[in-house]
């Protein structure tokens, strides 16, 4: 999630990150 991460790659290229269902999966 761009708003929660410190990884620049994610902040630069991602619009929306995965939700809790992704963790369950």
PDBML (XML) file of the C-alpha atoms, coordinates in Angstrom:
<?xml version="1.0" encoding="UTF-8" ?>
<PDBx:datablock datablockName="MODEL"
   xmlns:PDBx="http://pdbml.pdb.org/schema/pdbx-v50.xsd"
   xmlns:xsi="http://www.w3.org/2001/XMLSchema-instance"
   xsi:schemaLocation="http://pdbml.pdb.org/schema/pdbx-v50.xsd pdbx-v50.xsd">
   <PDBx:atom_siteCategory>
      <PDBx:atom_site id="1">
         <PDBx:B_iso_or_equiv>0.00</PDBx:B_iso_or_equiv>
         <PDBx:Cartn_x>0.000</PDBx:Cartn_x>
         <PDBx:Cartn_y>0.000</PDBx:Cartn_y>
         <PDBx:Cartn_z>0.000</PDBx:Cartn_z>
         <PDBx:auth_asym_id>A</PDBx:auth_asym_id>
         <PDBx:auth_atom_id>CA</PDBx:auth_atom_id>
         <PDBx:auth_comp_id>UNK</PDBx:auth_comp_id>
         <PDBx:auth_seq_id>1</PDBx:auth_seq_id>
         <PDBx:group_PDB>ATOM</PDBx:group_PDB>
         <PDBx:label_alt_id xsi:nil="true" />
         <PDBx:label_asym_id>A</PDBx:label_asym_id>
         <PDBx:label_atom_id>CA</PDBx:label_atom_id>
         <PDBx:label_comp_id>UNK</PDBx:label_comp_id>
         <PDBx:label_entity_id>1</PDBx:label_entity_id>
         <PDBx:label_seq_id>1</PDBx:label_seq_id>
         <PDBx:occupancy>1.00</PDBx:occupancy>
         <PDBx:pdbx_PDB_model_num>1</PDBx:pdbx_PDB_model_num>
         <PDBx:type_symbol>C</PDBx:type_symbol>
      </PDBx:atom_site>
      <PDBx:atom_site id="2">
         <PDBx:B_iso_or_equiv>0.00</PDBx:B_iso_or_equiv>
         <PDBx:Cartn_x>1.604</PDBx:Cartn_x>
         <PDBx:Cartn_y>3.265</PDBx:Cartn_y>
         <PDBx:Cartn_z>-1.151</PDBx:Cartn_z>
         <PDBx:auth_asym_id>A</PDBx:auth_asym_id>
         <PDBx:auth_atom_id>CA</PDBx:auth_atom_id>
         <PDBx:auth_comp_id>UNK</PDBx:auth_comp_id>
         <PDBx:auth_seq_id>2</PDBx:auth_seq_id>
         <PDBx:group_PDB>ATOM</PDBx:group_PDB>
         <PDBx:label_alt_id xsi:nil="true" />
         <PDBx:label_asym_id>A</PDBx:label_asym_id>
         <PDBx:label_atom_id>CA</PDBx:label_atom_id>
         <PDBx:label_comp_id>UNK</PDBx:label_comp_id>
         <PDBx:label_entity_id>1</PDBx:label_entity_id>
         <PDBx:label_seq_id>2</PDBx:label_seq_id>
         <PDBx:occupancy>1.00</PDBx:occupancy>
         <PDBx:pdbx_PDB_model_num>1</PDBx:pdbx_PDB_model_num>
         <PDBx:type_symbol>C</PDBx:type_symbol>
      </PDBx:atom_site>
      <PDBx:atom_site id="3">
         <PDBx:B_iso_or_equiv>0.00</PDBx:B_iso_or_equiv>
         <PDBx:Cartn_x>0.496</PDBx:Cartn_x>
         <PDBx:Cartn_y>5.160</PDBx:Cartn_y>
         <PDBx:Cartn_z>1.966</PDBx:Cartn_z>
         <PDBx:auth_asym_id>A</PDBx:auth_asym_id>
         <PDBx:auth_atom_id>CA</PDBx:auth_atom_id>
         <PDBx:auth_comp_id>UNK</PDBx:auth_comp_id>
         <PDBx:auth_seq_id>3</PDBx:auth_seq_id>
         <PDBx:group_PDB>ATOM</PDBx:group_PDB>
         <PDBx:label_alt_id xsi:nil="true" />
         <PDBx:label_asym_id>A</PDBx:label_asym_id>
         <PDBx:label_atom_id>CA</PDBx:label_atom_id>
         <PDBx:label_comp_id>UNK</PDBx:label_comp_id>
         <PDBx:label_entity_id>1</PDBx:label_entity_id>
         <PDBx:label_seq_id>3</PDBx:label_seq_id>
         <PDBx:occupancy>1.00</PDBx:occupancy>
         <PDBx:pdbx_PDB_model_num>1</PDBx:pdbx_PDB_model_num>
         <PDBx:type_symbol>C</PDBx:type_symbol>
      </PDBx:atom_site>
      <PDBx:atom_site id="4">
         <PDBx:B_iso_or_equiv>0.00</PDBx:B_iso_or_equiv>
         <PDBx:Cartn_x>1.917</PDBx:Cartn_x>
         <PDBx:Cartn_y>2.594</PDBx:Cartn_y>
         <PDBx:Cartn_z>4.405</PDBx:Cartn_z>
         <PDBx:auth_asym_id>A</PDBx:auth_asym_id>
         <PDBx:auth_atom_id>CA</PDBx:auth_atom_id>
         <PDBx:auth_comp_id>UNK</PDBx:auth_comp_id>
         <PDBx:auth_seq_id>4</PDBx:auth_seq_id>
         <PDBx:group_PDB>ATOM</PDBx:group_PDB>
         <PDBx:label_alt_id xsi:nil="true" />
         <PDBx:label_asym_id>A</PDBx:label_asym_id>
         <PDBx:label_atom_id>CA</PDBx:label_atom_id>
         <PDBx:label_comp_id>UNK</PDBx:label_comp_id>
         <PDBx:label_entity_id>1</PDBx:label_entity_id>
         <PDBx:label_seq_id>4</PDBx:label_seq_id>
         <PDBx:occupancy>1.00</PDBx:occupancy>
         <PDBx:pdbx_PDB_model_num>1</PDBx:pdbx_PDB_model_num>
         <PDBx:type_symbol>C</PDBx:type_symbol>
      </PDBx:atom_site>
      <PDBx:atom_site id="5">
         <PDBx:B_iso_or_equiv>0.00</PDBx:B_iso_or_equiv>
         <PDBx:Cartn_x>5.153</PDBx:Cartn_x>
         <PDBx:Cartn_y>1.459</PDBx:Cartn_y>
         <PDBx:Cartn_z>2.783</PDBx:Cartn_z>
         <PDBx:auth_asym_id>A</PDBx:auth_asym_id>
         <PDBx:auth_atom_id>CA</PDBx:auth_atom_id>
         <PDBx:auth_comp_id>UNK</PDBx:auth_comp_id>
         <PDBx:auth_seq_id>5</PDBx:auth_seq_id>
         <PDBx:group_PDB>ATOM</PDBx:group_PDB>
         <PDBx:label_alt_id xsi:nil="true" />
         <PDBx:label_asym_id>A</PDBx:label_asym_id>
         <PDBx:label_atom_id>CA</PDBx:label_atom_id>
         <PDBx:label_comp_id>UNK</PDBx:label_comp_id>
         <PDBx:label_entity_id>1</PDBx:label_entity_id>
         <PDBx:label_seq_id>5</PDBx:label_seq_id>
         <PDBx:occupancy>1.00</PDBx:occupancy>
         <PDBx:pdbx_PDB_model_num>1</PDBx:pdbx_PDB_model_num>
         <PDBx:type_symbol>C</PDBx:type_symbol>
      </PDBx:atom_site>
      <PDBx:atom_site id="6">
         <PDBx:B_iso_or_equiv>0.00</PDBx:B_iso_or_equiv>
         <PDBx:Cartn_x>8.680</PDBx:Cartn_x>
         <PDBx:Cartn_y>2.844</PDBx:Cartn_y>
         <PDBx:Cartn_z>2.866</PDBx:Cartn_z>
         <PDBx:auth_asym_id>A</PDBx:auth_asym_id>
         <PDBx:auth_atom_id>CA</PDBx:auth_atom_id>
         <PDBx:auth_comp_id>UNK</PDBx:auth_comp_id>
         <PDBx:auth_seq_id>6</PDBx:auth_seq_id>
         <PDBx:group_PDB>ATOM</PDBx:group_PDB>
         <PDBx:label_alt_id xsi:nil="true" />
         <PDBx:label_asym_id>A</PDBx:label_asym_id>
         <PDBx:label_atom_id>CA</PDBx:label_atom_id>
         <PDBx:label_comp_id>UNK</PDBx:label_comp_id>
         <PDBx:label_entity_id>1</PDBx:label_entity_id>
         <PDBx:label_seq_id>6</PDBx:label_seq_id>
         <PDBx:occupancy>1.00</PDBx:occupancy>
         <PDBx:pdbx_PDB_model_num>1</PDBx:pdbx_PDB_model_num>
         <PDBx:type_symbol>C</PDBx:type_symbol>
      </PDBx:atom_site>
      <PDBx:atom_site id="7">
         <PDBx:B_iso_or_equiv>0.00</PDBx:B_iso_or_equiv>
         <PDBx:Cartn_x>9.626</PDBx:Cartn_x>
         <PDBx:Cartn_y>1.055</PDBx:Cartn_y>
         <PDBx:Cartn_z>-0.364</PDBx:Cartn_z>
         <PDBx:auth_asym_id>A</PDBx:auth_asym_id>
         <PDBx:auth_atom_id>CA</PDBx:auth_atom_id>
         <PDBx:auth_comp_id>UNK</PDBx:auth_comp_id>
         <PDBx:auth_seq_id>7</PDBx:auth_seq_id>
         <PDBx:group_PDB>ATOM</PDBx:group_PDB>
         <PDBx:label_alt_id xsi:nil="true" />
         <PDBx:label_asym_id>A</PDBx:label_asym_id>
         <PDBx:label_atom_id>CA</PDBx:label_atom_id>
         <PDBx:label_comp_id>UNK</PDBx:label_comp_id>
         <PDBx:label_entity_id>1</PDBx:label_entity_id>
         <PDBx:label_seq_id>7</PDBx:label_seq_id>
         <PDBx:occupancy>1.00</PDBx:occupancy>
         <PDBx:pdbx_PDB_model_num>1</PDBx:pdbx_PDB_model_num>
         <PDBx:type_symbol>C</PDBx:type_symbol>
      </PDBx:atom_site>
      <PDBx:atom_site id="8">
         <PDBx:B_iso_or_equiv>0.00</PDBx:B_iso_or_equiv>
         <PDBx:Cartn_x>10.095</PDBx:Cartn_x>
         <PDBx:Cartn_y>3.678</PDBx:Cartn_y>
         <PDBx:Cartn_z>-3.078</PDBx:Cartn_z>
         <PDBx:auth_asym_id>A</PDBx:auth_asym_id>
         <PDBx:auth_atom_id>CA</PDBx:auth_atom_id>
         <PDBx:auth_comp_id>UNK</PDBx:auth_comp_id>
         <PDBx:auth_seq_id>8</PDBx:auth_seq_id>
         <PDBx:group_PDB>ATOM</PDBx:group_PDB>
         <PDBx:label_alt_id xsi:nil="true" />
         <PDBx:label_asym_id>A</PDBx:label_asym_id>
         <PDBx:label_atom_id>CA</PDBx:label_atom_id>
         <PDBx:label_comp_id>UNK</PDBx:label_comp_id>
         <PDBx:label_entity_id>1</PDBx:label_entity_id>
         <PDBx:label_seq_id>8</PDBx:label_seq_id>
         <PDBx:occupancy>1.00</PDBx:occupancy>
         <PDBx:pdbx_PDB_model_num>1</PDBx:pdbx_PDB_model_num>
         <PDBx:type_symbol>C</PDBx:type_symbol>
      </PDBx:atom_site>
      <PDBx:atom_site id="9">
         <PDBx:B_iso_or_equiv>0.00</PDBx:B_iso_or_equiv>
         <PDBx:Cartn_x>9.222</PDBx:Cartn_x>
         <PDBx:Cartn_y>1.248</PDBx:Cartn_y>
         <PDBx:Cartn_z>-5.892</PDBx:Cartn_z>
         <PDBx:auth_asym_id>A</PDBx:auth_asym_id>
         <PDBx:auth_atom_id>CA</PDBx:auth_atom_id>
         <PDBx:auth_comp_id>UNK</PDBx:auth_comp_id>
         <PDBx:auth_seq_id>9</PDBx:auth_seq_id>
         <PDBx:group_PDB>ATOM</PDBx:group_PDB>
         <PDBx:label_alt_id xsi:nil="true" />
         <PDBx:label_asym_id>A</PDBx:label_asym_id>
         <PDBx:label_atom_id>CA</PDBx:label_atom_id>
         <PDBx:label_comp_id>UNK</PDBx:label_comp_id>
         <PDBx:label_entity_id>1</PDBx:label_entity_id>
         <PDBx:label_seq_id>9</PDBx:label_seq_id>
         <PDBx:occupancy>1.00</PDBx:occupancy>
         <PDBx:pdbx_PDB_model_num>1</PDBx:pdbx_PDB_model_num>
         <PDBx:type_symbol>C</PDBx:type_symbol>
      </PDBx:atom_site>
      <PDBx:atom_site id="10">
         <PDBx:B_iso_or_equiv>0.00</PDBx:B_iso_or_equiv>
         <PDBx:Cartn_x>5.728</PDBx:Cartn_x>
         <PDBx:Cartn_y>0.793</PDBx:Cartn_y>
         <PDBx:Cartn_z>-4.465</PDBx:Cartn_z>
         <PDBx:auth_asym_id>A</PDBx:auth_asym_id>
         <PDBx:auth_atom_id>CA</PDBx:auth_atom_id>
         <PDBx:auth_comp_id>UNK</PDBx:auth_comp_id>
         <PDBx:auth_seq_id>10</PDBx:auth_seq_id>
         <PDBx:group_PDB>ATOM</PDBx:group_PDB>
         <PDBx:label_alt_id xsi:nil="true" />
         <PDBx:label_asym_id>A</PDBx:label_asym_id>
         <PDBx:label_atom_id>CA</PDBx:label_atom_id>
         <PDBx:label_comp_id>UNK</PDBx:label_comp_id>
         <PDBx:label_entity_id>1</PDBx:label_entity_id>
         <PDBx:label_seq_id>10</PDBx:label_seq_id>
         <PDBx:occupancy>1.00</PDBx:occupancy>
         <PDBx:pdbx_PDB_model_num>1</PDBx:pdbx_PDB_model_num>
         <PDBx:type_symbol>C</PDBx:type_symbol>
      </PDBx:atom_site>
      <PDBx:atom_site id="11">
         <PDBx:B_iso_or_equiv>0.00</PDBx:B_iso_or_equiv>
         <PDBx:Cartn_x>5.175</PDBx:Cartn_x>
         <PDBx:Cartn_y>4.512</PDBx:Cartn_y>
         <PDBx:Cartn_z>-3.901</PDBx:Cartn_z>
         <PDBx:auth_asym_id>A</PDBx:auth_asym_id>
         <PDBx:auth_atom_id>CA</PDBx:auth_atom_id>
         <PDBx:auth_comp_id>UNK</PDBx:auth_comp_id>
         <PDBx:auth_seq_id>11</PDBx:auth_seq_id>
         <PDBx:group_PDB>ATOM</PDBx:group_PDB>
         <PDBx:label_alt_id xsi:nil="true" />
         <PDBx:label_asym_id>A</PDBx:label_asym_id>
         <PDBx:label_atom_id>CA</PDBx:label_atom_id>
         <PDBx:label_comp_id>UNK</PDBx:label_comp_id>
         <PDBx:label_entity_id>1</PDBx:label_entity_id>
         <PDBx:label_seq_id>11</PDBx:label_seq_id>
         <PDBx:occupancy>1.00</PDBx:occupancy>
         <PDBx:pdbx_PDB_model_num>1</PDBx:pdbx_PDB_model_num>
         <PDBx:type_symbol>C</PDBx:type_symbol>
      </PDBx:atom_site>
      <PDBx:atom_site id="12">
         <PDBx:B_iso_or_equiv>0.00</PDBx:B_iso_or_equiv>
         <PDBx:Cartn_x>6.201</PDBx:Cartn_x>
         <PDBx:Cartn_y>5.276</PDBx:Cartn_y>
         <PDBx:Cartn_z>-7.478</PDBx:Cartn_z>
         <PDBx:auth_asym_id>A</PDBx:auth_asym_id>
         <PDBx:auth_atom_id>CA</PDBx:auth_atom_id>
         <PDBx:auth_comp_id>UNK</PDBx:auth_comp_id>
         <PDBx:auth_seq_id>12</PDBx:auth_seq_id>
         <PDBx:group_PDB>ATOM</PDBx:group_PDB>
         <PDBx:label_alt_id xsi:nil="true" />
         <PDBx:label_asym_id>A</PDBx:label_asym_id>
         <PDBx:label_atom_id>CA</PDBx:label_atom_id>
         <PDBx:label_comp_id>UNK</PDBx:label_comp_id>
         <PDBx:label_entity_id>1</PDBx:label_entity_id>
         <PDBx:label_seq_id>12</PDBx:label_seq_id>
         <PDBx:occupancy>1.00</PDBx:occupancy>
         <PDBx:pdbx_PDB_model_num>1</PDBx:pdbx_PDB_model_num>
         <PDBx:type_symbol>C</PDBx:type_symbol>
      </PDBx:atom_site>
      <PDBx:atom_site id="13">
         <PDBx:B_iso_or_equiv>0.00</PDBx:B_iso_or_equiv>
         <PDBx:Cartn_x>4.234</PDBx:Cartn_x>
         <PDBx:Cartn_y>2.642</PDBx:Cartn_y>
         <PDBx:Cartn_z>-9.389</PDBx:Cartn_z>
         <PDBx:auth_asym_id>A</PDBx:auth_asym_id>
         <PDBx:auth_atom_id>CA</PDBx:auth_atom_id>
         <PDBx:auth_comp_id>UNK</PDBx:auth_comp_id>
         <PDBx:auth_seq_id>13</PDBx:auth_seq_id>
         <PDBx:group_PDB>ATOM</PDBx:group_PDB>
         <PDBx:label_alt_id xsi:nil="true" />
         <PDBx:label_asym_id>A</PDBx:label_asym_id>
         <PDBx:label_atom_id>CA</PDBx:label_atom_id>
         <PDBx:label_comp_id>UNK</PDBx:label_comp_id>
         <PDBx:label_entity_id>1</PDBx:label_entity_id>
         <PDBx:label_seq_id>13</PDBx:label_seq_id>
         <PDBx:occupancy>1.00</PDBx:occupancy>
         <PDBx:pdbx_PDB_model_num>1</PDBx:pdbx_PDB_model_num>
         <PDBx:type_symbol>C</PDBx:type_symbol>
      </PDBx:atom_site>
      <PDBx:atom_site id="14">
         <PDBx:B_iso_or_equiv>0.00</PDBx:B_iso_or_equiv>
         <PDBx:Cartn_x>1.287</PDBx:Cartn_x>
         <PDBx:Cartn_y>1.403</PDBx:Cartn_y>
         <PDBx:Cartn_z>-7.286</PDBx:Cartn_z>
         <PDBx:auth_asym_id>A</PDBx:auth_asym_id>
         <PDBx:auth_atom_id>CA</PDBx:auth_atom_id>
         <PDBx:auth_comp_id>UNK</PDBx:auth_comp_id>
         <PDBx:auth_seq_id>14</PDBx:auth_seq_id>
         <PDBx:group_PDB>ATOM</PDBx:group_PDB>
         <PDBx:label_alt_id xsi:nil="true" />
         <PDBx:label_asym_id>A</PDBx:label_asym_id>
         <PDBx:label_atom_id>CA</PDBx:label_atom_id>
         <PDBx:label_comp_id>UNK</PDBx:label_comp_id>
         <PDBx:label_entity_id>1</PDBx:label_entity_id>
         <PDBx:label_seq_id>14</PDBx:label_seq_id>
         <PDBx:occupancy>1.00</PDBx:occupancy>
         <PDBx:pdbx_PDB_model_num>1</PDBx:pdbx_PDB_model_num>
         <PDBx:type_symbol>C</PDBx:type_symbol>
      </PDBx:atom_site>
      <PDBx:atom_site id="15">
         <PDBx:B_iso_or_equiv>0.00</PDBx:B_iso_or_equiv>
         <PDBx:Cartn_x>-2.127</PDBx:Cartn_x>
         <PDBx:Cartn_y>3.087</PDBx:Cartn_y>
         <PDBx:Cartn_z>-7.159</PDBx:Cartn_z>
         <PDBx:auth_asym_id>A</PDBx:auth_asym_id>
         <PDBx:auth_atom_id>CA</PDBx:auth_atom_id>
         <PDBx:auth_comp_id>UNK</PDBx:auth_comp_id>
         <PDBx:auth_seq_id>15</PDBx:auth_seq_id>
         <PDBx:group_PDB>ATOM</PDBx:group_PDB>
         <PDBx:label_alt_id xsi:nil="true" />
         <PDBx:label_asym_id>A</PDBx:label_asym_id>
         <PDBx:label_atom_id>CA</PDBx:label_atom_id>
         <PDBx:label_comp_id>UNK</PDBx:label_comp_id>
         <PDBx:label_entity_id>1</PDBx:label_entity_id>
         <PDBx:label_seq_id>15</PDBx:label_seq_id>
         <PDBx:occupancy>1.00</PDBx:occupancy>
         <PDBx:pdbx_PDB_model_num>1</PDBx:pdbx_PDB_model_num>
         <PDBx:type_symbol>C</PDBx:type_symbol>
      </PDBx:atom_site>
      <PDBx:atom_site id="16">
         <PDBx:B_iso_or_equiv>0.00</PDBx:B_iso_or_equiv>
         <PDBx:Cartn_x>-3.847</PDBx:Cartn_x>
         <PDBx:Cartn_y>0.753</PDBx:Cartn_y>
         <PDBx:Cartn_z>-4.670</PDBx:Cartn_z>
         <PDBx:auth_asym_id>A</PDBx:auth_asym_id>
         <PDBx:auth_atom_id>CA</PDBx:auth_atom_id>
         <PDBx:auth_comp_id>UNK</PDBx:auth_comp_id>
         <PDBx:auth_seq_id>16</PDBx:auth_seq_id>
         <PDBx:group_PDB>ATOM</PDBx:group_PDB>
         <PDBx:label_alt_id xsi:nil="true" />
         <PDBx:label_asym_id>A</PDBx:label_asym_id>
         <PDBx:label_atom_id>CA</PDBx:label_atom_id>
         <PDBx:label_comp_id>UNK</PDBx:label_comp_id>
         <PDBx:label_entity_id>1</PDBx:label_entity_id>
         <PDBx:label_seq_id>16</PDBx:label_seq_id>
         <PDBx:occupancy>1.00</PDBx:occupancy>
         <PDBx:pdbx_PDB_model_num>1</PDBx:pdbx_PDB_model_num>
         <PDBx:type_symbol>C</PDBx:type_symbol>
      </PDBx:atom_site>
      <PDBx:atom_site id="17">
         <PDBx:B_iso_or_equiv>0.00</PDBx:B_iso_or_equiv>
         <PDBx:Cartn_x>-2.338</PDBx:Cartn_x>
         <PDBx:Cartn_y>-2.012</PDBx:Cartn_y>
         <PDBx:Cartn_z>-2.571</PDBx:Cartn_z>
         <PDBx:auth_asym_id>A</PDBx:auth_asym_id>
         <PDBx:auth_atom_id>CA</PDBx:auth_atom_id>
         <PDBx:auth_comp_id>UNK</PDBx:auth_comp_id>
         <PDBx:auth_seq_id>17</PDBx:auth_seq_id>
         <PDBx:group_PDB>ATOM</PDBx:group_PDB>
         <PDBx:label_alt_id xsi:nil="true" />
         <PDBx:label_asym_id>A</PDBx:label_asym_id>
         <PDBx:label_atom_id>CA</PDBx:label_atom_id>
         <PDBx:label_comp_id>UNK</PDBx:label_comp_id>
         <PDBx:label_entity_id>1</PDBx:label_entity_id>
         <PDBx:label_seq_id>17</PDBx:label_seq_id>
         <PDBx:occupancy>1.00</PDBx:occupancy>
         <PDBx:pdbx_PDB_model_num>1</PDBx:pdbx_PDB_model_num>
         <PDBx:type_symbol>C</PDBx:type_symbol>
      </PDBx:atom_site>
      <PDBx:atom_site id="18">
         <PDBx:B_iso_or_equiv>0.00</PDBx:B_iso_or_equiv>
         <PDBx:Cartn_x>-3.750</PDBx:Cartn_x>
         <PDBx:Cartn_y>-5.352</PDBx:Cartn_y>
         <PDBx:Cartn_z>-1.463</PDBx:Cartn_z>
         <PDBx:auth_asym_id>A</PDBx:auth_asym_id>
         <PDBx:auth_atom_id>CA</PDBx:auth_atom_id>
         <PDBx:auth_comp_id>UNK</PDBx:auth_comp_id>
         <PDBx:auth_seq_id>18</PDBx:auth_seq_id>
         <PDBx:group_PDB>ATOM</PDBx:group_PDB>
         <PDBx:label_alt_id xsi:nil="true" />
         <PDBx:label_asym_id>A</PDBx:label_asym_id>
         <PDBx:label_atom_id>CA</PDBx:label_atom_id>
         <PDBx:label_comp_id>UNK</PDBx:label_comp_id>
         <PDBx:label_entity_id>1</PDBx:label_entity_id>
         <PDBx:label_seq_id>18</PDBx:label_seq_id>
         <PDBx:occupancy>1.00</PDBx:occupancy>
         <PDBx:pdbx_PDB_model_num>1</PDBx:pdbx_PDB_model_num>
         <PDBx:type_symbol>C</PDBx:type_symbol>
      </PDBx:atom_site>
      <PDBx:atom_site id="19">
         <PDBx:B_iso_or_equiv>0.00</PDBx:B_iso_or_equiv>
         <PDBx:Cartn_x>-6.403</PDBx:Cartn_x>
         <PDBx:Cartn_y>-5.667</PDBx:Cartn_y>
         <PDBx:Cartn_z>1.247</PDBx:Cartn_z>
         <PDBx:auth_asym_id>A</PDBx:auth_asym_id>
         <PDBx:auth_atom_id>CA</PDBx:auth_atom_id>
         <PDBx:auth_comp_id>UNK</PDBx:auth_comp_id>
         <PDBx:auth_seq_id>19</PDBx:auth_seq_id>
         <PDBx:group_PDB>ATOM</PDBx:group_PDB>
         <PDBx:label_alt_id xsi:nil="true" />
         <PDBx:label_asym_id>A</PDBx:label_asym_id>
         <PDBx:label_atom_id>CA</PDBx:label_atom_id>
         <PDBx:label_comp_id>UNK</PDBx:label_comp_id>
         <PDBx:label_entity_id>1</PDBx:label_entity_id>
         <PDBx:label_seq_id>19</PDBx:label_seq_id>
         <PDBx:occupancy>1.00</PDBx:occupancy>
         <PDBx:pdbx_PDB_model_num>1</PDBx:pdbx_PDB_model_num>
         <PDBx:type_symbol>C</PDBx:type_symbol>
      </PDBx:atom_site>
      <PDBx:atom_site id="20">
         <PDBx:B_iso_or_equiv>0.00</PDBx:B_iso_or_equiv>
         <PDBx:Cartn_x>-6.671</PDBx:Cartn_x>
         <PDBx:Cartn_y>-8.072</PDBx:Cartn_y>
         <PDBx:Cartn_z>4.191</PDBx:Cartn_z>
         <PDBx:auth_asym_id>A</PDBx:auth_asym_id>
         <PDBx:auth_atom_id>CA</PDBx:auth_atom_id>
         <PDBx:auth_comp_id>UNK</PDBx:auth_comp_id>
         <PDBx:auth_seq_id>20</PDBx:auth_seq_id>
         <PDBx:group_PDB>ATOM</PDBx:group_PDB>
         <PDBx:label_alt_id xsi:nil="true" />
         <PDBx:label_asym_id>A</PDBx:label_asym_id>
         <PDBx:label_atom_id>CA</PDBx:label_atom_id>
         <PDBx:label_comp_id>UNK</PDBx:label_comp_id>
         <PDBx:label_entity_id>1</PDBx:label_entity_id>
         <PDBx:label_seq_id>20</PDBx:label_seq_id>
         <PDBx:occupancy>1.00</PDBx:occupancy>
         <PDBx:pdbx_PDB_model_num>1</PDBx:pdbx_PDB_model_num>
         <PDBx:type_symbol>C</PDBx:type_symbol>
      </PDBx:atom_site>
      <PDBx:atom_site id="21">
         <PDBx:B_iso_or_equiv>0.00</PDBx:B_iso_or_equiv>
         <PDBx:Cartn_x>-8.228</PDBx:Cartn_x>
         <PDBx:Cartn_y>-10.752</PDBx:Cartn_y>
         <PDBx:Cartn_z>1.973</PDBx:Cartn_z>
         <PDBx:auth_asym_id>A</PDBx:auth_asym_id>
         <PDBx:auth_atom_id>CA</PDBx:auth_atom_id>
         <PDBx:auth_comp_id>UNK</PDBx:auth_comp_id>
         <PDBx:auth_seq_id>21</PDBx:auth_seq_id>
         <PDBx:group_PDB>ATOM</PDBx:group_PDB>
         <PDBx:label_alt_id xsi:nil="true" />
         <PDBx:label_asym_id>A</PDBx:label_asym_id>
         <PDBx:label_atom_id>CA</PDBx:label_atom_id>
         <PDBx:label_comp_id>UNK</PDBx:label_comp_id>
         <PDBx:label_entity_id>1</PDBx:label_entity_id>
         <PDBx:label_seq_id>21</PDBx:label_seq_id>
         <PDBx:occupancy>1.00</PDBx:occupancy>
         <PDBx:pdbx_PDB_model_num>1</PDBx:pdbx_PDB_model_num>
         <PDBx:type_symbol>C</PDBx:type_symbol>
      </PDBx:atom_site>
      <PDBx:atom_site id="22">
         <PDBx:B_iso_or_equiv>0.00</PDBx:B_iso_or_equiv>
         <PDBx:Cartn_x>-4.860</PDBx:Cartn_x>
         <PDBx:Cartn_y>-11.013</PDBx:Cartn_y>
         <PDBx:Cartn_z>0.218</PDBx:Cartn_z>
         <PDBx:auth_asym_id>A</PDBx:auth_asym_id>
         <PDBx:auth_atom_id>CA</PDBx:auth_atom_id>
         <PDBx:auth_comp_id>UNK</PDBx:auth_comp_id>
         <PDBx:auth_seq_id>22</PDBx:auth_seq_id>
         <PDBx:group_PDB>ATOM</PDBx:group_PDB>
         <PDBx:label_alt_id xsi:nil="true" />
         <PDBx:label_asym_id>A</PDBx:label_asym_id>
         <PDBx:label_atom_id>CA</PDBx:label_atom_id>
         <PDBx:label_comp_id>UNK</PDBx:label_comp_id>
         <PDBx:label_entity_id>1</PDBx:label_entity_id>
         <PDBx:label_seq_id>22</PDBx:label_seq_id>
         <PDBx:occupancy>1.00</PDBx:occupancy>
         <PDBx:pdbx_PDB_model_num>1</PDBx:pdbx_PDB_model_num>
         <PDBx:type_symbol>C</PDBx:type_symbol>
      </PDBx:atom_site>
      <PDBx:atom_site id="23">
         <PDBx:B_iso_or_equiv>0.00</PDBx:B_iso_or_equiv>
         <PDBx:Cartn_x>-3.196</PDBx:Cartn_x>
         <PDBx:Cartn_y>-11.924</PDBx:Cartn_y>
         <PDBx:Cartn_z>3.507</PDBx:Cartn_z>
         <PDBx:auth_asym_id>A</PDBx:auth_asym_id>
         <PDBx:auth_atom_id>CA</PDBx:auth_atom_id>
         <PDBx:auth_comp_id>UNK</PDBx:auth_comp_id>
         <PDBx:auth_seq_id>23</PDBx:auth_seq_id>
         <PDBx:group_PDB>ATOM</PDBx:group_PDB>
         <PDBx:label_alt_id xsi:nil="true" />
         <PDBx:label_asym_id>A</PDBx:label_asym_id>
         <PDBx:label_atom_id>CA</PDBx:label_atom_id>
         <PDBx:label_comp_id>UNK</PDBx:label_comp_id>
         <PDBx:label_entity_id>1</PDBx:label_entity_id>
         <PDBx:label_seq_id>23</PDBx:label_seq_id>
         <PDBx:occupancy>1.00</PDBx:occupancy>
         <PDBx:pdbx_PDB_model_num>1</PDBx:pdbx_PDB_model_num>
         <PDBx:type_symbol>C</PDBx:type_symbol>
      </PDBx:atom_site>
      <PDBx:atom_site id="24">
         <PDBx:B_iso_or_equiv>0.00</PDBx:B_iso_or_equiv>
         <PDBx:Cartn_x>-5.843</PDBx:Cartn_x>
         <PDBx:Cartn_y>-14.544</PDBx:Cartn_y>
         <PDBx:Cartn_z>4.208</PDBx:Cartn_z>
         <PDBx:auth_asym_id>A</PDBx:auth_asym_id>
         <PDBx:auth_atom_id>CA</PDBx:auth_atom_id>
         <PDBx:auth_comp_id>UNK</PDBx:auth_comp_id>
         <PDBx:auth_seq_id>24</PDBx:auth_seq_id>
         <PDBx:group_PDB>ATOM</PDBx:group_PDB>
         <PDBx:label_alt_id xsi:nil="true" />
         <PDBx:label_asym_id>A</PDBx:label_asym_id>
         <PDBx:label_atom_id>CA</PDBx:label_atom_id>
         <PDBx:label_comp_id>UNK</PDBx:label_comp_id>
         <PDBx:label_entity_id>1</PDBx:label_entity_id>
         <PDBx:label_seq_id>24</PDBx:label_seq_id>
         <PDBx:occupancy>1.00</PDBx:occupancy>
         <PDBx:pdbx_PDB_model_num>1</PDBx:pdbx_PDB_model_num>
         <PDBx:type_symbol>C</PDBx:type_symbol>
      </PDBx:atom_site>
      <PDBx:atom_site id="25">
         <PDBx:B_iso_or_equiv>0.00</PDBx:B_iso_or_equiv>
         <PDBx:Cartn_x>-5.358</PDBx:Cartn_x>
         <PDBx:Cartn_y>-15.979</PDBx:Cartn_y>
         <PDBx:Cartn_z>0.715</PDBx:Cartn_z>
         <PDBx:auth_asym_id>A</PDBx:auth_asym_id>
         <PDBx:auth_atom_id>CA</PDBx:auth_atom_id>
         <PDBx:auth_comp_id>UNK</PDBx:auth_comp_id>
         <PDBx:auth_seq_id>25</PDBx:auth_seq_id>
         <PDBx:group_PDB>ATOM</PDBx:group_PDB>
         <PDBx:label_alt_id xsi:nil="true" />
         <PDBx:label_asym_id>A</PDBx:label_asym_id>
         <PDBx:label_atom_id>CA</PDBx:label_atom_id>
         <PDBx:label_comp_id>UNK</PDBx:label_comp_id>
         <PDBx:label_entity_id>1</PDBx:label_entity_id>
         <PDBx:label_seq_id>25</PDBx:label_seq_id>
         <PDBx:occupancy>1.00</PDBx:occupancy>
         <PDBx:pdbx_PDB_model_num>1</PDBx:pdbx_PDB_model_num>
         <PDBx:type_symbol>C</PDBx:type_symbol>
      </PDBx:atom_site>
   </PDBx:atom_siteCategory>
</PDBx:datablock>
